[in-house]
Protein backbone atom coordinates (compact mmCIF):
# COMPACT_ATOMS: atom_id res chain seq x y z
CA MET A 1 9.78 -146.65 -149.56
CA ALA A 2 12.60 -147.94 -147.41
CA ASP A 3 15.23 -150.23 -148.87
CA GLY A 4 14.06 -153.28 -146.96
CA GLU A 5 10.39 -152.71 -147.80
CA LEU A 6 11.02 -152.62 -151.54
CA ARG A 7 13.13 -155.78 -151.40
CA ALA A 8 10.48 -157.49 -149.29
CA ALA A 9 7.85 -156.54 -151.85
CA ALA A 10 10.01 -158.04 -154.57
CA ARG A 11 10.27 -161.30 -152.64
CA ARG A 12 6.48 -161.40 -152.28
CA GLY A 13 5.91 -160.66 -155.96
CA ARG A 14 6.15 -162.48 -159.27
CA PRO A 15 9.42 -164.45 -159.38
CA ASP A 16 8.83 -165.30 -163.03
CA ARG A 17 8.40 -161.67 -164.12
CA THR A 18 12.11 -161.17 -163.65
CA ALA A 19 14.93 -160.22 -165.94
CA PRO A 20 16.07 -162.81 -168.50
CA PRO A 21 18.77 -165.27 -167.34
CA GLY A 22 22.13 -163.63 -166.96
CA ARG A 23 20.82 -160.22 -165.92
CA ALA A 24 21.73 -159.41 -162.35
CA HIS A 25 19.27 -157.75 -160.00
CA ALA A 26 20.92 -154.60 -158.75
CA PRO A 27 20.59 -153.56 -155.09
CA HIS A 28 18.54 -150.48 -154.25
CA PRO A 29 20.32 -147.32 -153.11
CA PRO A 30 19.05 -145.32 -150.11
CA ARG A 31 15.84 -143.43 -150.86
CA PRO A 32 15.85 -139.63 -150.92
CA PRO A 33 13.89 -137.82 -148.18
CA ARG A 34 10.24 -137.03 -148.91
CA PRO A 35 9.37 -133.42 -149.71
CA THR A 36 6.79 -131.52 -147.71
CA ARG A 37 3.22 -131.70 -149.04
CA PRO A 38 2.22 -128.74 -151.24
CA GLY A 39 -1.27 -127.30 -151.39
CA ARG A 40 -3.93 -128.82 -153.62
CA GLY A 41 -5.72 -127.16 -156.49
CA GLY A 42 -8.40 -127.91 -159.05
CA GLY A 43 -8.42 -128.51 -162.77
CA PRO A 44 -9.65 -125.87 -165.22
CA PRO A 45 -12.76 -126.48 -167.35
CA ARG A 46 -12.32 -127.30 -171.00
CA PRO A 47 -13.04 -124.43 -173.40
CA ASP A 48 -15.77 -126.48 -175.10
CA GLY A 49 -17.53 -127.07 -171.79
CA GLY A 50 -16.96 -130.84 -171.79
CA GLY A 51 -15.10 -132.53 -168.95
CA THR A 52 -11.77 -131.19 -167.73
CA ALA A 53 -8.91 -129.76 -169.78
CA LEU A 54 -5.30 -130.85 -169.62
CA ARG A 55 -3.94 -128.98 -166.63
CA THR A 56 -1.61 -126.04 -167.15
CA ASP A 57 -0.96 -125.36 -163.45
CA GLY A 58 0.50 -128.63 -162.24
CA LEU A 59 1.07 -131.39 -164.75
CA GLY A 60 4.55 -130.90 -166.08
CA THR A 61 5.01 -128.14 -163.47
CA ASP A 62 5.90 -124.53 -164.16
CA GLY A 63 2.78 -124.09 -166.30
CA ALA A 64 4.15 -126.11 -169.22
CA GLY A 65 0.70 -127.53 -169.99
CA MET A 66 1.50 -131.16 -170.81
CA ALA A 67 0.45 -134.22 -168.84
CA LEU A 68 1.40 -137.45 -167.11
CA ILE A 69 -1.42 -139.97 -167.40
CA ALA A 70 -1.19 -143.22 -165.43
CA MET A 71 -3.16 -146.40 -166.00
CA TRP A 72 -3.26 -148.66 -162.94
CA ALA A 73 -4.43 -152.21 -163.60
CA HIS A 74 -4.58 -155.52 -161.82
CA PRO A 75 -2.74 -158.24 -163.81
CA ARG A 76 -4.57 -159.82 -166.77
CA ALA A 77 -6.83 -156.80 -167.33
CA ILE A 78 -5.91 -156.29 -171.05
CA SER A 79 -3.91 -153.25 -169.98
CA THR A 80 -1.07 -154.12 -172.40
CA ALA A 81 -3.55 -153.97 -175.28
CA PHE A 82 -4.49 -150.50 -174.07
CA LEU A 83 -0.81 -149.56 -173.94
CA ARG A 84 -0.39 -150.93 -177.47
CA MET A 85 -3.19 -148.63 -178.61
CA MET A 86 -1.43 -145.69 -176.96
CA ILE A 87 1.76 -146.57 -178.86
CA ALA A 88 -0.24 -146.61 -182.11
CA ARG A 89 -1.40 -143.03 -181.45
CA GLY A 90 2.10 -141.70 -182.09
CA ASP A 91 1.55 -138.47 -180.15
CA VAL A 92 2.21 -139.70 -176.60
CA THR A 93 5.36 -140.98 -174.90
CA VAL A 94 4.50 -144.47 -173.61
CA VAL A 95 6.15 -146.18 -170.62
CA HIS A 96 5.51 -149.83 -169.76
CA GLU A 97 5.39 -150.96 -166.11
CA PRO A 98 8.26 -148.97 -164.58
CA LEU A 99 7.33 -149.78 -160.97
CA VAL A 100 6.97 -153.52 -161.58
CA THR A 101 10.35 -153.43 -163.30
CA LEU A 102 11.89 -151.46 -160.45
CA VAL A 103 10.67 -153.94 -157.83
CA ASP A 104 11.71 -156.96 -159.90
CA THR A 105 15.15 -155.76 -161.01
CA GLY A 106 16.18 -152.79 -158.84
CA ARG A 107 16.39 -150.40 -161.78
CA VAL A 108 14.34 -149.23 -164.73
CA GLU A 109 15.22 -147.60 -168.03
CA LEU A 110 13.01 -144.64 -168.93
CA PRO A 111 12.80 -142.56 -172.11
CA ALA A 112 14.55 -139.20 -172.07
CA ALA A 113 13.39 -135.96 -173.68
CA ASP A 114 16.32 -136.03 -176.14
CA GLY A 115 15.25 -139.39 -177.55
CA GLY A 116 17.68 -141.41 -175.50
CA SER A 117 17.09 -143.08 -172.16
CA ILE A 118 18.10 -142.83 -168.52
CA THR A 119 18.26 -145.46 -165.78
CA VAL A 120 16.73 -144.73 -162.39
CA THR A 121 16.83 -146.79 -159.21
CA SER A 122 14.17 -145.39 -156.87
CA PRO A 123 10.40 -144.82 -156.99
CA ALA A 124 10.85 -141.11 -156.35
CA GLU A 125 13.13 -140.84 -159.38
CA VAL A 126 10.57 -142.62 -161.55
CA THR A 127 7.80 -140.16 -160.65
CA ALA A 128 10.01 -137.07 -160.86
CA HIS A 129 11.44 -138.03 -164.24
CA LEU A 130 8.07 -138.87 -165.80
CA LEU A 131 6.53 -135.62 -164.56
CA ASP A 132 9.49 -133.72 -166.00
CA LEU A 133 9.20 -135.63 -169.28
CA GLY A 134 5.56 -134.60 -169.47
CA ARG A 135 6.48 -130.94 -169.74
CA ASP A 136 7.14 -131.26 -173.46
CA ARG A 137 4.77 -134.06 -174.55
CA PRO A 138 2.00 -136.07 -172.87
CA VAL A 139 3.27 -139.20 -171.16
CA PHE A 140 1.21 -142.37 -170.66
CA VAL A 141 2.50 -144.87 -168.12
CA LYS A 142 0.92 -148.26 -167.44
CA ASP A 143 1.66 -150.29 -164.34
CA THR A 144 0.14 -153.32 -162.66
CA LEU A 145 -0.73 -153.78 -159.02
CA GLU A 146 0.41 -157.23 -157.99
CA TYR A 147 2.56 -155.21 -155.60
CA ARG A 148 1.39 -152.57 -153.13
CA TYR A 149 3.67 -149.63 -153.90
CA GLY A 150 4.13 -148.25 -150.41
CA HIS A 151 5.92 -145.08 -151.56
CA LEU A 152 2.70 -143.86 -153.23
CA PHE A 153 0.94 -143.94 -149.87
CA ASP A 154 3.90 -142.52 -147.97
CA ALA A 155 4.14 -139.47 -150.24
CA PRO A 156 0.87 -138.94 -152.18
CA GLU A 157 1.88 -135.37 -152.94
CA ARG A 158 4.39 -136.77 -155.46
CA ILE A 159 1.56 -138.13 -157.60
CA ALA A 160 -1.03 -135.40 -156.97
CA ASP A 161 -0.36 -133.90 -160.41
CA VAL A 162 -0.81 -137.22 -162.24
CA THR A 163 -4.05 -138.01 -164.06
CA HIS A 164 -4.90 -141.43 -162.61
CA THR A 165 -6.95 -143.97 -164.55
CA PHE A 166 -7.87 -147.53 -163.61
CA LEU A 167 -8.69 -150.52 -165.81
CA VAL A 168 -10.72 -153.26 -164.15
CA ARG A 169 -11.96 -156.64 -165.39
CA HIS A 170 -14.16 -159.24 -163.73
CA PRO A 171 -11.91 -161.37 -161.50
CA ALA A 172 -13.20 -164.84 -162.47
CA ARG A 173 -11.35 -164.85 -165.77
CA THR A 174 -8.34 -162.82 -164.67
CA ILE A 175 -7.57 -165.12 -161.73
CA SER A 176 -7.73 -168.21 -163.94
CA SER A 177 -5.56 -166.50 -166.55
CA HIS A 178 -3.03 -165.41 -163.93
CA HIS A 179 -2.79 -168.93 -162.53
CA ALA A 180 -2.30 -170.39 -166.01
CA ILE A 181 0.89 -168.34 -166.42
CA LYS A 182 2.01 -168.43 -162.80
CA PRO A 183 0.65 -171.43 -160.88
CA THR A 184 2.31 -170.17 -157.66
CA VAL A 185 0.39 -166.87 -157.71
CA ALA A 186 -0.42 -165.61 -154.21
CA CYS A 187 -3.67 -163.96 -153.19
CA HIS A 188 -2.25 -160.43 -152.85
CA GLU A 189 -0.82 -160.61 -156.39
CA ILE A 190 -4.31 -160.77 -157.91
CA GLY A 191 -4.23 -157.02 -157.36
CA TYR A 192 -7.79 -155.77 -156.87
CA GLU A 193 -7.27 -154.89 -153.22
CA HIS A 194 -4.17 -152.87 -154.09
CA GLN A 195 -6.08 -151.25 -156.94
CA TRP A 196 -8.95 -150.19 -154.67
CA GLU A 197 -6.56 -148.82 -152.04
CA LEU A 198 -4.80 -146.72 -154.65
CA PHE A 199 -8.10 -145.53 -156.12
CA GLU A 200 -9.21 -144.40 -152.67
CA LEU A 201 -5.88 -142.62 -152.12
CA VAL A 202 -5.88 -140.61 -155.35
CA ARG A 203 -9.59 -139.85 -155.07
CA THR A 204 -8.80 -137.81 -151.95
CA THR A 205 -5.31 -136.48 -152.73
CA ALA A 206 -4.91 -136.00 -156.50
CA ARG A 207 -5.81 -132.76 -158.25
CA ARG A 208 -8.10 -134.49 -160.74
CA PRO A 209 -10.68 -137.21 -160.09
CA PRO A 210 -9.63 -140.74 -161.08
CA VAL A 211 -11.08 -142.36 -164.22
CA VAL A 212 -12.20 -146.00 -164.21
CA LEU A 213 -12.68 -148.17 -167.31
CA SER A 214 -14.43 -151.51 -167.59
CA ALA A 215 -12.34 -153.99 -169.59
CA GLU A 216 -15.49 -155.79 -170.68
CA ALA A 217 -16.95 -152.56 -172.05
CA LEU A 218 -13.65 -151.84 -173.79
CA LEU A 219 -13.73 -155.20 -175.56
CA ARG A 220 -17.41 -154.83 -176.43
CA ASP A 221 -17.26 -151.30 -177.85
CA PRO A 222 -13.66 -150.03 -178.07
CA ALA A 223 -14.45 -146.91 -180.09
CA ARG A 224 -16.95 -145.55 -177.58
CA VAL A 225 -14.94 -146.50 -174.52
CA VAL A 226 -11.63 -145.11 -175.80
CA ALA A 227 -13.35 -141.91 -176.94
CA ALA A 228 -14.87 -141.51 -173.47
CA TRP A 229 -11.51 -142.17 -171.81
CA CYS A 230 -9.78 -139.63 -174.05
CA ALA A 231 -12.39 -137.01 -173.21
CA ALA A 232 -11.98 -137.72 -169.50
CA VAL A 233 -8.18 -137.33 -169.54
CA GLY A 234 -8.04 -134.45 -172.02
CA LEU A 235 -6.46 -136.20 -175.02
CA PRO A 236 -7.82 -136.01 -178.57
CA TYR A 237 -9.53 -139.19 -179.69
CA ARG A 238 -7.66 -140.91 -182.52
CA PRO A 239 -9.79 -143.75 -183.96
CA GLU A 240 -6.98 -144.89 -186.25
CA ALA A 241 -5.10 -146.06 -183.15
CA LEU A 242 -7.73 -148.73 -182.46
CA THR A 243 -5.90 -151.02 -184.89
CA TRP A 244 -2.20 -151.85 -184.89
CA ASP A 245 0.29 -154.29 -186.36
CA PRO A 246 0.55 -157.59 -184.44
CA GLY A 247 3.92 -158.60 -183.07
CA ASP A 248 6.36 -158.38 -180.20
CA ARG A 249 7.46 -155.02 -178.83
CA THR A 250 10.67 -154.04 -177.08
CA GLU A 251 8.59 -152.25 -174.42
CA TRP A 252 7.58 -155.57 -172.85
CA ALA A 253 10.50 -157.81 -173.88
CA ARG A 254 11.51 -158.50 -170.26
CA THR A 255 8.09 -159.90 -169.37
CA ARG A 256 7.01 -161.17 -172.80
CA ILE A 257 5.36 -164.36 -171.49
CA TRP A 258 2.65 -162.16 -169.96
CA HIS A 259 1.86 -160.37 -173.23
CA LEU A 260 1.61 -163.08 -175.86
CA ASP A 261 -2.12 -162.51 -176.36
CA VAL A 262 -1.69 -158.87 -177.36
CA GLU A 263 1.15 -159.80 -179.71
CA ARG A 264 -1.30 -161.91 -181.69
CA THR A 265 -3.95 -159.21 -182.00
CA SER A 266 -4.39 -156.09 -184.10
CA GLY A 267 -7.07 -154.45 -181.97
CA PHE A 268 -9.31 -154.84 -178.94
CA ARG A 269 -11.10 -158.16 -179.13
CA PRO A 270 -11.72 -161.04 -176.74
CA VAL A 271 -9.23 -163.89 -176.93
CA ALA A 272 -10.91 -167.29 -177.03
CA LYS A 273 -9.20 -169.36 -174.35
CA ASP A 274 -10.24 -172.04 -171.88
CA PHE A 275 -8.45 -172.63 -168.58
CA THR A 276 -8.04 -176.02 -166.94
CA VAL A 277 -7.87 -174.58 -163.42
CA THR A 278 -10.54 -171.99 -162.62
CA VAL A 279 -12.28 -170.31 -159.71
CA GLU A 280 -15.08 -172.82 -160.24
CA ASN A 281 -13.03 -175.99 -159.75
CA ASN A 282 -10.13 -174.94 -157.50
CA ALA A 283 -10.59 -174.07 -153.83
CA THR A 284 -7.52 -171.82 -153.65
CA LEU A 285 -8.53 -169.76 -156.66
CA ARG A 286 -12.07 -169.56 -155.33
CA ALA A 287 -10.71 -168.14 -152.07
CA TYR A 288 -8.76 -165.56 -154.08
CA TYR A 289 -11.94 -164.68 -155.94
CA ASP A 290 -13.98 -164.33 -152.74
CA HIS A 291 -11.33 -162.01 -151.31
CA HIS A 292 -10.96 -159.74 -154.34
CA HIS A 293 -14.47 -159.68 -155.79
CA PRO A 294 -15.73 -157.06 -153.29
CA PHE A 295 -12.93 -154.70 -154.36
CA TYR A 296 -13.86 -155.26 -158.01
CA GLN A 297 -17.47 -154.42 -157.21
CA ARG A 298 -16.45 -151.16 -155.55
CA LEU A 299 -14.24 -150.15 -158.46
CA ILE A 300 -16.64 -151.03 -161.27
CA GLN A 301 -19.29 -148.75 -159.76
CA HIS A 302 -17.06 -145.82 -160.79
CA ALA A 303 -16.55 -146.93 -164.40
CA ILE A 304 -17.22 -144.38 -167.12
CA PRO A 305 -20.79 -144.87 -168.34
CA VAL A 306 -20.79 -145.68 -172.05
CA GLU A 307 -23.96 -145.72 -174.11
CA GLU A 308 -24.61 -148.98 -175.88
CA SER A 309 -24.32 -148.95 -179.67
CA SER A 310 -27.74 -148.89 -181.34
């Protein structure tokens, strides 16, 4: 993504998901040239015959056999609760919203293999570092799609070895929730259109098919849905991770106002909350809903089927 494009995206995005007062927003350096597109391959079957195994011929590169798993969500999709569950697993390196942070602040701090951290300042560096980090241990990265990350479309070969998953929730509640935190939210920031575009991109360019989860199904039956997701991405299911200690986390300290609900919870469960301004009583929010609902409908058709509990 060119320098000007990334800055323009930042101006279009969430002004209140910025660094705390006193933290300067660093300028972006020139982007490195894009590499040529390599050939595409397919994922090996799992030894037990179910689904697809963690790749050993691309993820992590050089046959190292680990993985980079991405979760792409529109805002207000309970994706931070999912990330909190991944933290509770203890066997995966977890990264919270590096691309949102990069657009908002011009830099992002990422975990390093030695237990420390490194700071990167370009989208290409984010992808390259996370893929490299995945050589030694599975990496789970969650990001939200209030922005359209143009570099993903300019160079899809850079994310061809990522296992892409998508979390989607019905837009009526998410739009009202988004507006309650950010009353100036713009239509594109609702995110479903960006989410669908990215889904379509990785469906045709990534080495593994994308995985879609319904947020409503996750809240209704977390054990079944998380088990199905784990099977689809090649991770062992760890039911003990479905509960965690409530509280703030350093992972989302910069944007804490957006994550207060998950701080108050110890597992996946609906949060009882009424909104004054909704898609039912506000013409602007209704227009946002009418624009994004078709993209939601397209995405939800691809959600993992989960049998209802008897």
